[in-house]
Amino acid sequence: MQAEKEWIYPAIGLTLAMAAAALVFTPNSAGLLSNLVILPSWMLASAVVGSIYALVRMMAMGVKSPLAELGRIVREDRNWLIGMMLMIGLAGANMMAFLWFKPLLNYLVPFRADPFLAQADRWLAFGHDPFSLLDWLDVPGAEFVYHKLWTGMMILTLLVVAARPASADKSAVMLGYFVLWSVVGPLVHILMPAAGPIFYARMGYGDHFAALGPGPETRVMADYLWAVYDSRSFGAGSGISAMPSLHVTTAVWMALAIRVHAPRFFWPMAMFSALLFALSIALGWHYALDGVIGGACAVAVHFGLRAWFRARRMDVNARPAQVTA
């Protein structure tokens, strides 16, 4: 457990710091209550995803009665299960704290980067708008993949990594999750605040994205987010933020985590990450640059933390030899 604390303590600190910032800057703390539903929903989803994952894994291993084995684990391995619940619960608490803080950024940091990002996207796509090349992906069910399946895959990745033995690489992956949500997301938004293509006209920037035709699921969600933003109020899961795309950022984090801890499934996860990147553009939520920068941040955080934790482990392991000498 001591080895796990090297990422758990900083993760708790980041979560508490973000929650405290939300409480300090919010004009009405009652507005934060709507997001309290996030944590129980997260834990319920984690229990469902974890149970399905465990049953499928046991069937693949040839366990004769997966349900009976799952029952045995619940009865006899309670300490391990409690540890897993606490780690996943901490990730859910961080998500809740982020959703407390995210709407505040809309009111504290005025949007100004959309015109620049729209033009930068055209430059990246050689004179084309990236969404016009990917709008064929906006089909029924795309929003389900982009939001709900993404959430399920993120929870699954956390479960897979949390179940691994303590190591420098595990610490890097787990702490990386908290750094991306607590530091990278808010900081990049502050530096380059953007609402996204789907809100471009509503922000008064013109008809650059007039040809963007989001499906009914996307329109309903966009109307809800805009209504909450325009009324300067708070709602469950509210807050507008295009840069960086945390969907893509965390999708890249998932691919890196699976590459380290379940390498057989790296390519499927990498393809899922690529799909998330394409959908973030096709559905109108993000500029292409949002995903590029978010993905680059995920890679930088992962390798930076891995190098730091490995160096720390080497230093700790070297100390006894130095004392003996």
Protein backbone atom coordinates (compact mmCIF):
# COMPACT_ATOMS: atom_id res chain seq x y z
CA MET A 1 0.00 0.00 0.00
CA GLN A 2 2.91 2.34 0.67
CA ALA A 3 3.85 2.24 -3.01
CA GLU A 4 0.27 3.13 -4.01
CA LYS A 5 0.38 6.23 -1.83
CA GLU A 6 2.90 7.86 -4.15
CA TRP A 7 0.08 8.54 -6.62
CA ILE A 8 -2.95 8.41 -4.29
CA TYR A 9 -1.83 11.31 -2.08
CA PRO A 10 -1.17 13.71 -5.00
CA ALA A 11 -4.46 12.58 -6.60
CA ILE A 12 -6.36 13.42 -3.41
CA GLY A 13 -4.57 16.77 -3.25
CA LEU A 14 -5.50 17.65 -6.84
CA THR A 15 -9.12 16.64 -6.29
CA LEU A 16 -9.45 18.66 -3.08
CA ALA A 17 -7.72 21.67 -4.65
CA MET A 18 -10.11 21.71 -7.61
CA ALA A 19 -13.15 21.27 -5.36
CA ALA A 20 -11.90 24.05 -3.06
CA ALA A 21 -11.36 26.39 -6.02
CA ALA A 22 -14.92 25.73 -7.18
CA LEU A 23 -16.28 26.50 -3.72
CA VAL A 24 -14.22 29.69 -3.43
CA PHE A 25 -15.08 31.14 -6.84
CA THR A 26 -18.67 30.01 -7.27
CA PRO A 27 -21.19 32.84 -6.93
CA ASN A 28 -23.74 30.39 -5.51
CA SER A 29 -22.65 27.17 -3.82
CA ALA A 30 -26.20 25.79 -4.19
CA GLY A 31 -25.49 25.61 -7.92
CA LEU A 32 -22.95 22.87 -7.26
CA LEU A 33 -25.55 20.52 -5.79
CA SER A 34 -26.79 19.33 -9.19
CA ASN A 35 -23.45 17.67 -9.88
CA LEU A 36 -23.53 15.61 -6.67
CA VAL A 37 -25.35 12.96 -8.69
CA ILE A 38 -22.12 12.37 -10.64
CA LEU A 39 -20.38 10.31 -7.94
CA PRO A 40 -23.16 7.74 -7.25
CA SER A 41 -23.78 7.43 -11.00
CA TRP A 42 -20.05 6.90 -11.53
CA MET A 43 -19.88 4.22 -8.84
CA LEU A 44 -22.93 2.41 -10.23
CA ALA A 45 -21.45 2.48 -13.73
CA SER A 46 -18.13 1.23 -12.33
CA ALA A 47 -19.86 -1.70 -10.61
CA VAL A 48 -21.62 -2.66 -13.85
CA VAL A 49 -18.51 -2.29 -16.02
CA GLY A 50 -16.34 -4.09 -13.46
CA SER A 51 -18.76 -7.01 -13.14
CA ILE A 52 -19.05 -7.43 -16.90
CA TYR A 53 -15.28 -7.22 -17.29
CA ALA A 54 -14.70 -9.80 -14.55
CA LEU A 55 -17.26 -12.24 -15.98
CA VAL A 56 -15.92 -11.94 -19.55
CA ARG A 57 -12.34 -12.36 -18.32
CA MET A 58 -13.24 -15.48 -16.30
CA MET A 59 -15.10 -16.99 -19.26
CA ALA A 60 -12.08 -16.34 -21.47
CA MET A 61 -9.89 -18.09 -18.87
CA GLY A 62 -12.18 -21.13 -18.88
CA VAL A 63 -13.62 -20.72 -15.37
CA LYS A 64 -16.49 -23.22 -15.14
CA SER A 65 -18.84 -21.02 -13.13
CA PRO A 66 -17.95 -17.31 -13.51
CA LEU A 67 -20.94 -16.16 -11.46
CA ALA A 68 -19.99 -18.45 -8.56
CA GLU A 69 -16.39 -17.24 -8.74
CA LEU A 70 -17.56 -13.63 -8.76
CA GLY A 71 -19.62 -14.36 -5.66
CA ARG A 72 -16.56 -15.91 -3.98
CA ILE A 73 -14.49 -12.80 -4.70
CA VAL A 74 -17.19 -10.60 -3.18
CA ARG A 75 -17.31 -12.78 -0.05
CA GLU A 76 -13.63 -13.54 0.46
CA ASP A 77 -11.67 -10.70 -1.12
CA ARG A 78 -13.43 -7.78 0.51
CA ASN A 79 -10.25 -5.88 1.34
CA TRP A 80 -9.17 -5.99 -2.28
CA LEU A 81 -12.64 -4.93 -3.46
CA ILE A 82 -12.74 -2.06 -0.97
CA GLY A 83 -9.34 -0.89 -2.17
CA MET A 84 -10.55 -0.98 -5.77
CA MET A 85 -13.73 0.90 -4.85
CA LEU A 86 -11.75 3.60 -3.08
CA MET A 87 -9.40 4.09 -6.04
CA ILE A 88 -12.25 4.23 -8.56
CA GLY A 89 -14.29 6.39 -6.18
CA LEU A 90 -11.41 8.87 -6.00
CA ALA A 91 -11.43 9.10 -9.80
CA GLY A 92 -15.18 9.73 -9.69
CA ALA A 93 -14.77 12.41 -7.02
CA ASN A 94 -12.20 14.11 -9.25
CA MET A 95 -14.68 14.04 -12.15
CA MET A 96 -17.32 15.63 -9.90
CA ALA A 97 -14.88 18.33 -8.77
CA PHE A 98 -14.01 19.04 -12.41
CA LEU A 99 -17.69 19.42 -13.28
CA TRP A 100 -18.00 21.87 -10.38
CA PHE A 101 -15.08 23.92 -11.66
CA LYS A 102 -15.69 23.72 -15.41
CA PRO A 103 -18.78 26.02 -15.57
CA LEU A 104 -16.99 28.66 -13.52
CA LEU A 105 -14.35 29.02 -16.23
CA ASN A 106 -17.09 30.10 -18.66
CA TYR A 107 -17.87 33.10 -16.46
CA LEU A 108 -14.36 33.90 -15.21
CA VAL A 109 -12.54 33.56 -18.56
CA PRO A 110 -14.37 35.08 -21.57
CA PHE A 111 -14.28 33.05 -24.79
CA ARG A 112 -11.94 34.57 -27.37
CA ALA A 113 -10.04 31.80 -29.20
CA ASP A 114 -12.73 30.44 -31.54
CA PRO A 115 -11.89 32.56 -34.63
CA PHE A 116 -8.21 31.69 -34.34
CA LEU A 117 -8.91 27.95 -33.93
CA ALA A 118 -11.33 27.94 -36.87
CA GLN A 119 -8.68 29.46 -39.13
CA ALA A 120 -5.95 27.22 -37.73
CA ASP A 121 -8.11 24.18 -38.53
CA ARG A 122 -8.42 25.29 -42.15
CA TRP A 123 -4.68 25.68 -42.35
CA LEU A 124 -4.15 22.20 -40.87
CA ALA A 125 -6.60 20.68 -43.37
CA PHE A 126 -5.07 22.45 -46.38
CA GLY A 127 -7.87 24.96 -46.87
CA HIS A 128 -10.77 22.74 -45.80
CA ASP A 129 -12.86 22.71 -42.65
CA PRO A 130 -12.10 19.35 -40.97
CA PHE A 131 -15.75 18.80 -40.03
CA SER A 132 -16.72 18.87 -43.73
CA LEU A 133 -14.41 15.89 -44.32
CA LEU A 134 -15.85 13.89 -41.42
CA ASP A 135 -19.56 14.78 -41.32
CA TRP A 136 -20.40 11.30 -42.65
CA LEU A 137 -19.59 10.02 -39.16
CA ASP A 138 -22.52 11.95 -37.67
CA VAL A 139 -24.94 9.01 -37.74
CA PRO A 140 -27.49 7.75 -35.18
CA GLY A 141 -25.61 6.32 -32.23
CA ALA A 142 -22.51 8.49 -32.75
CA GLU A 143 -23.35 10.56 -29.68
CA PHE A 144 -23.71 7.34 -27.65
CA VAL A 145 -20.21 6.29 -28.67
CA TYR A 146 -18.79 9.75 -28.04
CA HIS A 147 -20.20 10.17 -24.55
CA LYS A 148 -21.51 6.99 -22.96
CA LEU A 149 -19.15 4.42 -24.51
CA TRP A 150 -16.24 6.79 -23.90
CA THR A 151 -17.21 6.97 -20.21
CA GLY A 152 -17.48 3.18 -20.00
CA MET A 153 -14.09 2.69 -21.64
CA MET A 154 -12.51 5.23 -19.30
CA ILE A 155 -13.91 3.39 -16.28
CA LEU A 156 -12.75 0.05 -17.71
CA THR A 157 -9.23 1.43 -18.21
CA LEU A 158 -9.13 2.69 -14.63
CA LEU A 159 -10.28 -0.72 -13.38
CA VAL A 160 -7.67 -2.59 -15.42
CA VAL A 161 -4.84 -0.36 -14.20
CA ALA A 162 -6.04 -0.15 -10.58
CA ALA A 163 -6.05 -3.96 -10.38
CA ARG A 164 -2.37 -4.17 -11.38
CA PRO A 165 0.40 -4.49 -8.76
CA ALA A 166 2.01 -1.28 -7.59
CA SER A 167 4.77 -0.04 -9.90
CA ALA A 168 6.25 3.17 -11.25
CA ASP A 169 4.32 2.71 -14.49
CA LYS A 170 1.03 2.19 -12.64
CA SER A 171 1.64 5.32 -10.56
CA ALA A 172 2.36 7.31 -13.73
CA VAL A 173 -0.84 6.15 -15.44
CA MET A 174 -3.10 6.66 -12.42
CA LEU A 175 -1.73 10.06 -11.44
CA GLY A 176 -1.78 11.04 -15.12
CA TYR A 177 -5.57 10.72 -15.11
CA PHE A 178 -5.85 13.25 -12.27
CA VAL A 179 -3.30 15.64 -13.75
CA LEU A 180 -5.15 15.72 -17.08
CA TRP A 181 -8.52 16.51 -15.50
CA SER A 182 -7.32 18.76 -12.68
CA VAL A 183 -4.44 20.68 -14.28
CA VAL A 184 -4.19 20.28 -18.04
CA GLY A 185 -7.88 20.73 -18.86
CA PRO A 186 -8.47 23.91 -16.81
CA LEU A 187 -5.06 25.44 -17.58
CA VAL A 188 -5.29 25.02 -21.37
CA HIS A 189 -8.86 26.34 -21.30
CA ILE A 190 -7.70 29.45 -19.42
CA LEU A 191 -4.89 30.03 -21.93
CA MET A 192 -7.10 29.47 -24.99
CA PRO A 193 -10.81 29.67 -24.06
CA ALA A 194 -13.04 28.47 -26.88
CA ALA A 195 -16.70 27.44 -27.08
CA GLY A 196 -16.35 25.14 -30.10
CA PRO A 197 -17.76 24.98 -33.66
CA ILE A 198 -21.24 23.97 -32.49
CA PHE A 199 -21.55 27.28 -30.59
CA TYR A 200 -19.66 29.44 -33.10
CA ALA A 201 -22.69 31.32 -34.45
CA ARG A 202 -24.32 31.66 -31.02
CA MET A 203 -21.14 33.31 -29.77
CA GLY A 204 -21.59 35.93 -32.49
CA TYR A 205 -18.64 34.89 -34.65
CA GLY A 206 -20.62 34.43 -37.86
CA ASP A 207 -21.67 31.58 -40.15
CA HIS A 208 -18.32 29.88 -40.61
CA PHE A 209 -19.91 26.62 -39.45
CA ALA A 210 -23.34 27.10 -41.02
CA ALA A 211 -22.91 23.83 -42.92
CA LEU A 212 -22.40 21.94 -39.68
CA GLY A 213 -25.61 19.96 -39.16
CA PRO A 214 -25.47 18.04 -35.87
CA GLY A 215 -27.89 15.18 -35.33
CA PRO A 216 -30.85 15.39 -32.93
CA GLU A 217 -28.94 13.89 -29.97
CA THR A 218 -26.16 16.45 -30.35
CA ARG A 219 -28.60 19.33 -30.81
CA VAL A 220 -30.48 18.48 -27.62
CA MET A 221 -27.25 18.37 -25.60
CA ALA A 222 -25.92 21.56 -27.20
CA ASP A 223 -29.19 23.40 -26.50
CA TYR A 224 -29.04 22.31 -22.85
CA LEU A 225 -25.42 23.44 -22.42
CA TRP A 226 -26.13 26.76 -24.11
CA ALA A 227 -29.25 27.40 -22.02
CA VAL A 228 -27.29 26.86 -18.81
CA TYR A 229 -24.39 29.00 -20.03
CA ASP A 230 -26.62 31.80 -21.34
CA SER A 231 -28.52 32.00 -18.06
CA ARG A 232 -25.25 32.11 -16.11
CA SER A 233 -26.49 29.26 -13.97
CA PHE A 234 -25.32 25.73 -13.17
CA GLY A 235 -26.64 22.34 -14.19
CA ALA A 236 -25.60 18.69 -14.02
CA GLY A 237 -22.74 18.11 -16.44
CA SER A 238 -22.84 21.71 -17.66
CA GLY A 239 -19.99 23.92 -18.81
CA ILE A 240 -18.69 24.69 -22.29
CA SER A 241 -15.07 24.08 -23.18
CA ALA A 242 -13.57 23.18 -26.55
CA MET A 243 -9.84 23.55 -25.90
CA PRO A 244 -8.51 21.04 -25.10
CA SER A 245 -10.79 18.16 -26.02
CA LEU A 246 -10.75 16.13 -22.83
CA HIS A 247 -12.59 13.37 -24.66
CA VAL A 248 -9.59 13.00 -26.95
CA THR A 249 -7.09 13.73 -24.18
CA THR A 250 -8.44 10.92 -22.02
CA ALA A 251 -8.85 8.62 -25.03
CA VAL A 252 -5.11 8.98 -25.70
CA TRP A 253 -4.48 8.41 -21.98
CA MET A 254 -6.51 5.17 -22.27
CA ALA A 255 -4.41 3.99 -25.21
CA LEU A 256 -1.18 4.72 -23.34
CA ALA A 257 -2.47 2.99 -20.21
CA ILE A 258 -3.50 -0.12 -22.13
CA ARG A 259 -0.18 -0.13 -24.00
CA VAL A 260 1.58 -0.45 -20.63
CA HIS A 261 -0.81 -2.70 -18.69
CA ALA A 262 -2.70 -4.74 -21.31
CA PRO A 263 -0.60 -4.48 -24.49
CA ARG A 264 -2.63 -7.13 -26.38
CA PHE A 265 -5.48 -4.63 -26.56
CA PHE A 266 -3.43 -1.57 -27.48
CA TRP A 267 -4.42 -1.40 -31.14
CA PRO A 268 -8.18 -1.71 -30.52
CA MET A 269 -7.90 1.05 -27.92
CA ALA A 270 -5.75 3.15 -30.26
CA MET A 271 -8.39 2.81 -32.98
CA PHE A 272 -11.08 3.78 -30.48
CA SER A 273 -9.03 6.86 -29.60
CA ALA A 274 -8.77 7.76 -33.28
CA LEU A 275 -12.54 7.34 -33.63
CA LEU A 276 -13.12 9.66 -30.65
CA PHE A 277 -10.88 12.26 -32.29
CA ALA A 278 -12.82 12.04 -35.56
CA LEU A 279 -16.20 12.17 -33.76
CA SER A 280 -15.15 15.20 -31.71
CA ILE A 281 -14.82 17.06 -35.03
CA ALA A 282 -17.71 15.46 -36.94
CA LEU A 283 -20.25 16.16 -34.17
CA GLY A 284 -19.16 19.80 -33.95
CA TRP A 285 -17.97 19.79 -30.36
CA HIS A 286 -14.33 20.50 -31.12
CA TYR A 287 -11.84 21.96 -33.52
CA ALA A 288 -9.23 19.50 -34.78
CA LEU A 289 -6.56 21.44 -32.90
CA ASP A 290 -8.40 20.78 -29.62
CA GLY A 291 -7.76 17.06 -30.00
CA VAL A 292 -4.22 17.47 -31.31
CA ILE A 293 -3.18 19.60 -28.34
CA GLY A 294 -5.11 17.45 -25.86
CA GLY A 295 -3.51 14.27 -27.18
CA ALA A 296 -0.06 15.84 -27.11
CA CYS A 297 -0.62 16.86 -23.47
CA ALA A 298 -1.65 13.29 -22.60
CA VAL A 299 1.55 11.92 -24.13
CA ALA A 300 3.73 14.55 -22.43
CA VAL A 301 2.12 13.97 -19.01
CA HIS A 302 2.39 10.19 -19.32
CA PHE A 303 6.06 10.06 -20.25
CA GLY A 304 6.98 12.88 -17.88
CA LEU A 305 5.35 11.14 -14.90
CA ARG A 306 6.74 7.76 -15.90
CA ALA A 307 10.28 9.14 -16.04
CA TRP A 308 9.79 10.86 -12.67
CA PHE A 309 8.35 7.78 -10.91
CA ARG A 310 11.00 5.47 -12.40
CA ALA A 311 13.77 7.81 -11.31
CA ARG A 312 12.21 8.00 -7.86
CA ARG A 313 12.07 4.20 -7.59
CA MET A 314 15.69 3.88 -8.70
CA ASP A 315 16.72 6.44 -6.10
CA VAL A 316 14.85 4.62 -3.33
CA ASN A 317 16.30 1.25 -4.36
CA ALA A 318 19.82 2.65 -4.45
CA ARG A 319 19.75 4.09 -0.92
CA PRO A 320 20.32 0.82 1.04
CA ALA A 321 23.36 -0.01 -1.06
CA GLN A 322 24.79 3.45 -0.38
CA VAL A 323 24.20 3.08 3.37
CA THR A 324 25.84 -0.35 3.42
CA ALA A 325 28.86 0.92 1.60
